[in-house]
Protein backbone atom coordinates (compact mmCIF):
# COMPACT_ATOMS: atom_id res chain seq x y z
CA UNK A 1 0.00 0.00 0.00
CA UNK A 2 1.12 3.54 -0.68
CA UNK A 3 1.95 5.79 2.24
CA UNK A 4 -0.53 8.55 3.09
CA UNK A 5 -0.48 11.09 5.90
CA UNK A 6 -2.61 9.79 8.76
CA UNK A 7 -3.44 11.30 12.12
CA UNK A 8 -0.69 10.62 14.68
CA UNK A 9 -2.07 13.45 16.78
CA UNK A 10 -5.14 11.37 17.73
CA UNK A 11 -4.40 9.52 20.93
CA UNK A 12 -6.14 6.15 21.27
CA UNK A 13 -6.61 4.01 24.37
CA UNK A 14 -8.60 0.80 24.72
CA UNK A 15 -9.81 -1.06 27.77
CA UNK A 16 -11.68 -3.77 25.84
CA UNK A 17 -8.94 -4.22 23.18
CA UNK A 18 -11.36 -4.83 20.32
CA UNK A 19 -12.15 -1.92 18.01
CA UNK A 20 -8.89 -0.11 18.79
CA UNK A 21 -6.69 -3.19 19.08
CA UNK A 22 -4.79 -2.31 15.90
CA UNK A 23 -5.50 1.42 16.00
CA UNK A 24 -3.69 2.26 19.22
CA UNK A 25 -0.56 3.21 17.33
CA UNK A 26 -0.60 5.97 14.71
CA UNK A 27 0.13 3.69 11.79
CA UNK A 28 -2.05 2.06 9.19
CA UNK A 29 -2.20 -1.72 8.93
CA UNK A 30 -1.89 -3.50 5.59
CA UNK A 31 -3.91 -6.60 4.79
CA UNK A 32 -0.90 -8.72 5.77
CA UNK A 33 -0.92 -7.14 9.23
CA UNK A 34 -4.66 -7.73 9.47
CA UNK A 35 -4.43 -11.37 8.38
CA UNK A 36 -1.61 -12.09 10.84
CA UNK A 37 -3.91 -11.03 13.68
CA UNK A 38 -6.85 -13.16 12.57
CA UNK A 39 -8.40 -10.80 10.07
CA UNK A 40 -11.11 -12.07 7.71
CA UNK A 41 -11.66 -15.21 9.82
CA UNK A 42 -15.08 -13.85 10.72
CA UNK A 43 -15.87 -13.54 7.00
CA UNK A 44 -14.90 -17.16 6.39
CA UNK A 45 -17.14 -18.22 9.27
CA UNK A 46 -20.01 -16.02 8.07
CA UNK A 47 -19.93 -17.47 4.54
CA UNK A 48 -20.56 -20.89 6.07
CA UNK A 49 -23.63 -19.55 7.88
CA UNK A 50 -26.97 -18.67 6.34
CA UNK A 51 -27.78 -14.97 5.87
CA UNK A 52 -30.79 -15.45 8.15
CA UNK A 53 -28.58 -16.82 10.92
CA UNK A 54 -26.20 -13.86 10.72
CA UNK A 55 -29.07 -11.38 10.95
CA UNK A 56 -30.47 -13.31 13.91
CA UNK A 57 -27.08 -13.16 15.67
CA UNK A 58 -26.77 -9.42 15.09
CA UNK A 59 -30.29 -8.94 16.44
CA UNK A 60 -29.63 -11.08 19.53
CA UNK A 61 -26.34 -9.27 20.18
CA UNK A 62 -28.39 -6.08 20.91
CA UNK A 63 -25.90 -4.04 18.87
CA UNK A 64 -27.25 -0.52 18.45
CA UNK A 65 -26.25 1.93 15.77
CA UNK A 66 -23.20 3.94 16.78
CA UNK A 67 -23.97 6.92 14.56
CA UNK A 68 -26.06 8.71 17.17
CA UNK A 69 -29.62 7.37 17.02
CA UNK A 70 -28.88 4.05 18.71
CA UNK A 71 -31.42 2.08 16.62
CA UNK A 72 -31.08 -1.74 16.96
CA UNK A 73 -28.94 -2.88 14.03
CA UNK A 74 -30.48 -6.33 13.74
CA UNK A 75 -33.98 -4.86 13.52
CA UNK A 76 -32.91 -2.57 10.68
CA UNK A 77 -31.49 -5.55 8.78
CA UNK A 78 -34.66 -7.57 9.37
CA UNK A 79 -36.80 -4.76 7.97
CA UNK A 80 -34.60 -4.56 4.87
CA UNK A 81 -34.74 -8.25 3.91
CA UNK A 82 -38.53 -8.18 4.06
CA UNK A 83 -38.31 -6.20 0.81
CA UNK A 84 -37.35 -7.82 -2.51
CA UNK A 85 -33.85 -7.51 -4.02
CA UNK A 86 -31.80 -5.91 -5.40
CA UNK A 87 -30.64 -4.41 -2.13
CA UNK A 88 -27.77 -2.08 -1.31
CA UNK A 89 -25.54 -1.64 1.71
CA UNK A 90 -24.02 1.76 2.56
CA UNK A 91 -21.34 2.63 5.11
CA UNK A 92 -21.92 6.11 6.49
CA UNK A 93 -18.46 7.58 6.99
CA UNK A 94 -19.60 11.21 6.70
CA UNK A 95 -18.42 11.99 10.21
CA UNK A 96 -19.14 15.71 10.64
CA UNK A 97 -20.47 16.15 14.18
CA UNK A 98 -18.35 18.72 16.06
CA UNK A 99 -15.79 17.02 18.28
CA UNK A 100 -16.32 13.61 16.66
CA UNK A 101 -13.33 11.75 15.22
CA UNK A 102 -13.90 8.12 16.25
CA UNK A 103 -14.69 6.82 12.75
CA UNK A 104 -11.65 8.54 11.31
CA UNK A 105 -9.30 6.57 13.51
CA UNK A 106 -10.88 3.26 12.38
CA UNK A 107 -10.79 4.21 8.70
CA UNK A 108 -7.17 5.37 8.72
CA UNK A 109 -5.66 2.83 11.09
CA UNK A 110 -7.75 -0.33 10.61
CA UNK A 111 -9.55 -0.12 7.23
CA UNK A 112 -9.84 -3.89 6.79
CA UNK A 113 -11.89 -4.24 9.97
CA UNK A 114 -14.44 -1.90 8.38
CA UNK A 115 -14.31 -3.76 5.05
CA UNK A 116 -14.75 -7.15 6.71
CA UNK A 117 -17.81 -5.89 8.54
CA UNK A 118 -19.21 -4.51 5.28
CA UNK A 119 -18.71 -7.77 3.40
CA UNK A 120 -20.44 -9.80 6.14
CA UNK A 121 -23.31 -7.32 6.29
CA UNK A 122 -23.74 -7.31 2.51
CA UNK A 123 -23.78 -11.12 2.44
CA UNK A 124 -26.41 -11.23 5.19
CA UNK A 125 -28.56 -8.66 3.38
CA UNK A 126 -28.16 -10.18 -0.08
CA UNK A 127 -26.51 -7.02 -1.39
CA UNK A 128 -24.04 -7.37 -4.26
CA UNK A 129 -23.11 -3.68 -4.37
CA UNK A 130 -22.02 -1.59 -1.40
CA UNK A 131 -20.79 1.97 -0.95
CA UNK A 132 -18.68 3.88 1.54
CA UNK A 133 -19.72 7.53 1.68
CA UNK A 134 -16.80 9.30 3.31
CA UNK A 135 -16.52 12.87 4.51
CA UNK A 136 -14.86 15.08 1.91
CA UNK A 137 -12.45 16.45 4.52
CA UNK A 138 -10.94 12.96 5.00
CA UNK A 139 -8.71 12.72 1.90
CA UNK A 140 -6.25 10.30 3.51
CA UNK A 141 -9.08 8.00 4.62
CA UNK A 142 -10.53 8.03 1.11
CA UNK A 143 -7.24 6.87 -0.43
CA UNK A 144 -6.58 4.35 2.33
CA UNK A 145 -9.98 2.74 1.83
CA UNK A 146 -9.52 2.55 -1.94
CA UNK A 147 -6.16 0.83 -1.48
CA UNK A 148 -7.64 -1.54 1.11
CA UNK A 149 -10.40 -2.51 -1.32
CA UNK A 150 -7.80 -3.39 -3.97
CA UNK A 151 -5.86 -5.45 -1.41
CA UNK A 152 -9.01 -7.32 -0.43
CA UNK A 153 -9.77 -8.06 -4.09
CA UNK A 154 -6.29 -9.44 -4.67
CA UNK A 155 -6.76 -11.85 -1.76
CA UNK A 156 -10.21 -12.98 -2.91
CA UNK A 157 -12.19 -11.27 -0.15
CA UNK A 158 -13.98 -9.00 -2.63
CA UNK A 159 -15.19 -9.34 -6.19
CA UNK A 160 -16.72 -12.41 -7.80
CA UNK A 161 -17.23 -15.71 -5.97
CA UNK A 162 -15.72 -14.57 -2.66
CA UNK A 163 -13.73 -17.45 -1.11
CA UNK A 164 -15.55 -19.87 -3.40
CA UNK A 165 -18.90 -19.14 -1.76
CA UNK A 166 -20.71 -18.00 -4.90
CA UNK A 167 -21.29 -14.58 -3.31
CA UNK A 168 -20.28 -11.54 -5.37
CA UNK A 169 -19.67 -8.06 -3.97
CA UNK A 170 -18.24 -4.79 -5.22
CA UNK A 171 -17.52 -1.90 -2.83
CA UNK A 172 -17.14 1.66 -4.07
CA UNK A 173 -15.91 4.73 -2.16
CA UNK A 174 -17.65 8.07 -2.72
CA UNK A 175 -16.49 11.39 -1.28
CA UNK A 176 -18.91 13.87 0.19
CA UNK A 177 -18.79 17.56 -0.62
CA UNK A 178 -18.34 18.82 2.93
CA UNK A 179 -22.02 18.99 3.88
CA UNK A 180 -22.93 18.05 7.46
CA UNK A 181 -26.48 17.27 6.37
CA UNK A 182 -25.23 14.29 4.34
CA UNK A 183 -24.61 12.46 7.60
CA UNK A 184 -28.41 12.11 7.65
CA UNK A 185 -29.02 8.85 5.82
CA UNK A 186 -31.56 10.01 3.27
CA UNK A 187 -29.55 13.12 2.36
CA UNK A 188 -26.54 10.82 1.99
CA UNK A 189 -28.49 8.63 -0.45
CA UNK A 190 -29.58 11.67 -2.46
CA UNK A 191 -25.93 12.71 -2.71
CA UNK A 192 -24.86 9.21 -3.77
CA UNK A 193 -27.43 9.38 -6.56
CA UNK A 194 -25.76 12.55 -7.80
CA UNK A 195 -28.39 14.92 -6.46
CA UNK A 196 -28.25 17.75 -3.96
CA UNK A 197 -27.92 16.44 -0.40
CA UNK A 198 -31.44 17.17 0.82
CA UNK A 199 -33.21 14.89 3.33
CA UNK A 200 -36.20 12.91 2.13
CA UNK A 201 -39.55 12.82 3.84
CA UNK A 202 -40.13 9.56 5.74
CA UNK A 203 -41.81 7.14 5.30
CA UNK A 204 -40.82 5.35 3.16
CA UNK A 205 -37.62 4.56 5.02
CA UNK A 206 -34.38 3.58 3.24
CA UNK A 207 -34.87 -0.09 4.18
CA UNK A 208 -38.02 0.09 2.03
CA UNK A 209 -37.00 2.54 -0.70
CA UNK A 210 -33.46 3.78 -0.46
CA UNK A 211 -30.75 4.05 -3.09
CA UNK A 212 -32.38 4.31 -6.53
CA UNK A 213 -35.66 3.27 -4.94
CA UNK A 214 -34.34 -0.09 -3.75
CA UNK A 215 -34.10 -1.45 -0.17
CA UNK A 216 -30.96 0.00 1.40
CA UNK A 217 -29.31 -0.36 4.80
CA UNK A 218 -27.15 2.52 6.00
CA UNK A 219 -24.86 1.80 8.96
CA UNK A 220 -22.20 3.91 10.66
CA UNK A 221 -18.48 2.99 10.49
CA UNK A 222 -18.25 2.05 14.17
CA UNK A 223 -21.42 -0.06 13.94
CA UNK A 224 -19.98 -2.00 11.01
CA UNK A 225 -16.67 -2.53 12.84
CA UNK A 226 -18.57 -4.47 15.52
CA UNK A 227 -19.94 -7.06 13.07
CA UNK A 228 -16.79 -9.27 12.77
CA UNK A 229 -16.66 -9.57 16.57
CA UNK A 230 -20.29 -10.70 16.79
CA UNK A 231 -19.63 -13.40 14.19
CA UNK A 232 -16.32 -14.51 15.67
CA UNK A 233 -17.41 -14.54 19.30
CA UNK A 234 -21.04 -15.52 18.86
CA UNK A 235 -23.89 -13.33 20.07
CA UNK A 236 -23.94 -14.89 23.55
CA UNK A 237 -20.33 -14.02 24.33
CA UNK A 238 -20.67 -10.60 22.70
CA UNK A 239 -23.55 -9.85 25.09
CA UNK A 240 -21.16 -10.19 28.02
CA UNK A 241 -19.22 -7.12 26.86
CA UNK A 242 -20.56 -4.12 28.75
CA UNK A 243 -24.06 -3.85 30.27
CA UNK A 244 -26.61 -6.41 29.09
CA UNK A 245 -28.96 -3.82 27.57
CA UNK A 246 -26.18 -2.00 25.71
CA UNK A 247 -23.69 -4.68 24.77
CA UNK A 248 -20.46 -4.27 22.88
CA UNK A 249 -17.54 -1.86 22.89
CA UNK A 250 -18.12 1.87 22.34
CA UNK A 251 -15.74 4.55 21.15
CA UNK A 252 -15.76 7.92 22.92
CA UNK A 253 -13.95 10.86 21.28
CA UNK A 254 -12.96 13.30 24.02
CA UNK A 255 -11.77 16.86 23.45
CA UNK A 256 -11.96 20.32 24.99
CA UNK A 257 -10.33 21.21 28.31
CA UNK A 258 -8.90 17.77 29.17
CA UNK A 259 -5.31 16.65 29.66
CA UNK A 260 -5.48 13.63 27.33
CA UNK A 261 -7.83 14.27 24.41
CA UNK A 262 -8.33 11.26 22.19
CA UNK A 263 -10.52 8.25 21.41
CA UNK A 264 -11.32 5.78 24.20
CA UNK A 265 -12.81 2.31 23.78
CA UNK A 266 -14.92 1.54 26.85
CA UNK A 267 -18.04 -0.37 27.86
CA UNK A 268 -21.26 1.62 27.96
CA UNK A 269 -21.72 1.30 31.71
CA UNK A 270 -18.78 3.70 32.07
CA UNK A 271 -19.86 7.04 33.52
CA UNK A 272 -19.11 10.46 32.07
CA UNK A 273 -17.07 11.24 35.18
CA UNK A 274 -14.86 8.18 34.56
CA UNK A 275 -14.37 9.12 30.92
CA UNK A 276 -13.16 12.60 31.87
CA UNK A 277 -11.17 11.94 35.03
CA UNK A 278 -10.09 8.29 34.87
CA UNK A 279 -9.26 8.00 31.18
CA UNK A 280 -8.84 11.53 29.77
CA UNK A 281 -6.67 12.57 32.72
CA UNK A 282 -8.99 15.19 34.17
CA UNK A 283 -9.34 18.85 33.21
CA UNK A 284 -6.59 21.25 32.22
CA UNK A 285 -5.13 23.00 35.26
CA UNK A 286 -7.54 20.87 37.35
CA UNK A 287 -10.34 23.34 36.75
CA UNK A 288 -13.92 22.52 37.70
CA UNK A 289 -16.08 21.10 34.91
CA UNK A 290 -18.72 23.67 34.01
CA UNK A 291 -20.44 21.86 31.13
CA UNK A 292 -20.07 19.01 28.68
CA UNK A 293 -21.31 19.20 25.10
CA UNK A 294 -22.16 15.96 23.31
CA UNK A 295 -21.04 17.33 19.98
CA UNK A 296 -23.61 19.97 19.02
CA UNK A 297 -26.56 17.96 20.36
CA UNK A 298 -26.89 18.21 24.14
CA UNK A 299 -25.53 20.21 27.07
CA UNK A 300 -24.82 18.66 30.48
CA UNK A 301 -23.72 20.36 33.69
CA UNK A 302 -20.81 19.52 35.95
CA UNK A 303 -23.34 17.99 38.34
CA UNK A 304 -24.47 15.42 35.76
CA UNK A 305 -21.18 13.57 35.40
CA UNK A 306 -22.35 10.33 36.99
CA UNK A 307 -24.67 9.40 34.11
CA UNK A 308 -23.86 6.22 32.13
CA UNK A 309 -22.51 6.56 28.60
CA UNK A 310 -25.37 4.60 27.05
CA UNK A 311 -28.64 5.09 25.13
CA UNK A 312 -30.96 4.89 28.14
CA UNK A 313 -33.33 7.82 28.84
CA UNK A 314 -30.92 8.94 31.57
CA UNK A 315 -27.75 8.22 29.60
CA UNK A 316 -25.36 10.33 27.54
CA UNK A 317 -26.50 8.96 24.16
CA UNK A 318 -25.60 10.37 20.75
CA UNK A 319 -22.29 9.52 19.12
CA UNK A 320 -20.52 9.41 22.49
CA UNK A 321 -18.72 12.68 21.73
CA UNK A 322 -17.45 14.50 24.83
CA UNK A 323 -16.43 18.17 24.65
CA UNK A 324 -15.42 19.46 28.09
CA UNK A 325 -15.84 23.10 29.14
CA UNK A 326 -14.47 24.36 32.44
CA UNK A 327 -15.31 27.21 34.78
CA UNK A 328 -13.22 29.65 32.77
CA UNK A 329 -15.32 29.12 29.62
CA UNK A 330 -18.13 31.44 28.57
CA UNK A 331 -21.25 29.33 27.87
CA UNK A 332 -22.87 32.02 25.74
CA UNK A 333 -19.79 32.23 23.53
CA UNK A 334 -19.75 28.42 23.24
CA UNK A 335 -23.44 28.39 22.31
CA UNK A 336 -22.75 31.05 19.68
CA UNK A 337 -20.24 28.69 18.07
CA UNK A 338 -22.91 25.99 17.97
CA UNK A 339 -25.44 28.41 16.48
CA UNK A 340 -22.98 29.45 13.77
CA UNK A 341 -22.27 25.80 13.01
CA UNK A 342 -25.93 25.10 12.33
CA UNK A 343 -26.31 28.33 10.37
CA UNK A 344 -23.49 27.19 8.10
CA UNK A 345 -24.66 23.58 7.77
CA UNK A 346 -28.40 23.92 7.23
CA UNK A 347 -29.12 22.60 3.73
CA UNK A 348 -31.76 25.25 3.10
CA UNK A 349 -34.47 22.83 1.99
CA UNK A 350 -37.10 23.89 4.53
CA UNK A 351 -37.82 27.46 5.62
CA UNK A 352 -37.99 26.90 9.42
CA UNK A 353 -34.45 25.53 9.48
CA UNK A 354 -32.98 27.75 6.77
CA UNK A 355 -34.30 31.00 8.23
CA UNK A 356 -34.38 29.83 11.85
CA UNK A 357 -30.72 28.81 12.00
CA UNK A 358 -29.65 32.10 10.45
CA UNK A 359 -31.80 34.20 12.79
CA UNK A 360 -30.72 32.20 15.84
CA UNK A 361 -27.03 32.82 15.09
CA UNK A 362 -27.59 36.46 14.08
CA UNK A 363 -29.55 37.38 17.21
CA UNK A 364 -27.33 35.43 19.59
CA UNK A 365 -24.27 37.18 18.18
CA UNK A 366 -25.95 40.56 18.75
CA UNK A 367 -26.65 39.50 22.34
CA UNK A 368 -23.07 38.33 22.82
CA UNK A 369 -21.62 41.50 21.29
CA UNK A 370 -23.81 43.71 23.48
CA UNK A 371 -25.65 45.38 20.60
CA UNK A 372 -29.04 43.69 21.06
CA UNK A 373 -32.31 45.05 22.41
CA UNK A 374 -34.96 43.36 24.54
CA UNK A 375 -36.92 42.74 21.35
CA UNK A 376 -33.90 40.92 19.89
CA UNK A 377 -33.82 38.74 23.00
CA UNK A 378 -37.51 37.87 22.62
CA UNK A 379 -36.97 37.09 18.95
CA UNK A 380 -34.00 34.84 19.76
CA UNK A 381 -36.00 32.85 22.34
CA UNK A 382 -38.92 32.50 19.90
CA UNK A 383 -36.77 31.31 17.00
CA UNK A 384 -34.82 28.89 19.19
CA UNK A 385 -38.06 27.28 20.33
CA UNK A 386 -39.70 26.89 16.93
CA UNK A 387 -36.92 25.63 14.65
CA UNK A 388 -37.44 22.09 15.94
CA UNK A 389 -41.16 21.30 15.55
CA UNK A 390 -41.44 22.70 12.03
CA UNK A 391 -38.33 21.28 10.31
CA UNK A 392 -38.15 18.31 7.95
CA UNK A 393 -35.15 16.42 9.31
CA UNK A 394 -32.99 15.84 12.34
CA UNK A 395 -30.75 18.87 11.80
CA UNK A 396 -33.63 21.24 12.38
CA UNK A 397 -34.81 19.06 15.24
CA UNK A 398 -31.57 19.62 17.17
CA UNK A 399 -30.42 23.02 15.87
CA UNK A 400 -31.77 24.80 18.93
CA UNK A 401 -31.66 22.00 21.47
CA UNK A 402 -28.20 22.37 22.99
CA UNK A 403 -28.62 26.15 23.23
CA UNK A 404 -32.05 25.78 24.84
CA UNK A 405 -30.65 23.28 27.34
CA UNK A 406 -27.80 25.65 28.17
CA UNK A 407 -30.31 28.46 28.77
CA UNK A 408 -32.30 26.24 31.15
CA UNK A 409 -29.29 24.83 33.01
CA UNK A 410 -27.16 27.98 33.10
CA UNK A 411 -29.69 30.83 33.29
CA UNK A 412 -27.22 33.05 35.11
CA UNK A 413 -24.83 32.94 32.13
CA UNK A 414 -27.48 34.26 29.78
CA UNK A 415 -28.95 36.64 32.37
CA UNK A 416 -25.56 38.32 32.57
CA UNK A 417 -25.87 39.25 28.90
CA UNK A 418 -29.55 40.06 29.16
CA UNK A 419 -28.81 42.71 31.79
CA UNK A 420 -26.73 44.48 29.18
CA UNK A 421 -29.74 44.55 26.85
CA UNK A 422 -31.70 46.97 29.03
CA UNK A 423 -28.82 49.42 28.91
CA UNK A 424 -28.36 48.84 25.18
CA UNK A 425 -32.09 49.32 24.55
């Protein structure tokens, strides 16, 4: 394989020694490295199983999607095979959530783990064509995956009659154009079809009518990387990893004001406090944690650190992204960054999100700069509240959520700026 610049700056640590087993060091593994450590054995085992049995194992493993929604993977596969072929399988590698870089480390440092999971999934779903849709800002990952695909073909793990099983599969890599919205599965499919990346109205869901109107399963990189372990270990043993309701390893990208930012592989009964203080080394200068952002989705206080990092109603949820803010950080300024992110990334398809995200950022910046009036404040609160219920897709649904949570949990931070409004007005 050719040499490409990877990401040595991303620190990786694993407790479970599964997903990050080969990714702990900042170097990319060739197929020879992967085969020496037991790579593609799960594929050989899977090809001697029936597709129905593989789907049943994935369902019984309780693996949930690692892209943020946490939907049961086996259930999604079951829904897809209820619809007639041809079917497609798509790997969502359009990792664009702020503070999220867990998929990147898998793509660049262990690409064959991702490919093996894709091949098994495609076999189980009866898909003969699969795609990897990778974020446009990951040029090294794009080239690494293309080279890995060629390596896998040379060894007989891809192409026609894989390992003499009669199963054919081609995998193609497509680069995104830098649009956050294409992380939403239907916008991703629109982009793959050569159209503008606009979300589709649901139903129908992609498992019913996805790519080119055919049944399509879209899974996240980290989700797919779990598949070889389920097949190799068996669903019963896999269920012993982590809590019974949320089995399997989970990657947590940690950044912000911590001493050891990086990606951590931990079970989902780990608490947020443990992630920050036990694994990420605590806060810079030992400052008190003021807030934690889960990407640009949710805001938690320093008093909520004992929650589990799972998908329960009282858990951390999302992609597992941890951005730590300390007592020296200005929450209003941080929320302004989030507002500007959504203003930039709204696709513009629906008016509530297109106009709402712009107005939210515009008015919050006026408040932050001290040039707003009381009427601006009222307009900001109104817009923040009504982006969500009137938008088409998930971006609009969450565009105001973190900011609204911050306003509820840190009213004094916003009140400090609101006091300036009376003088400005």
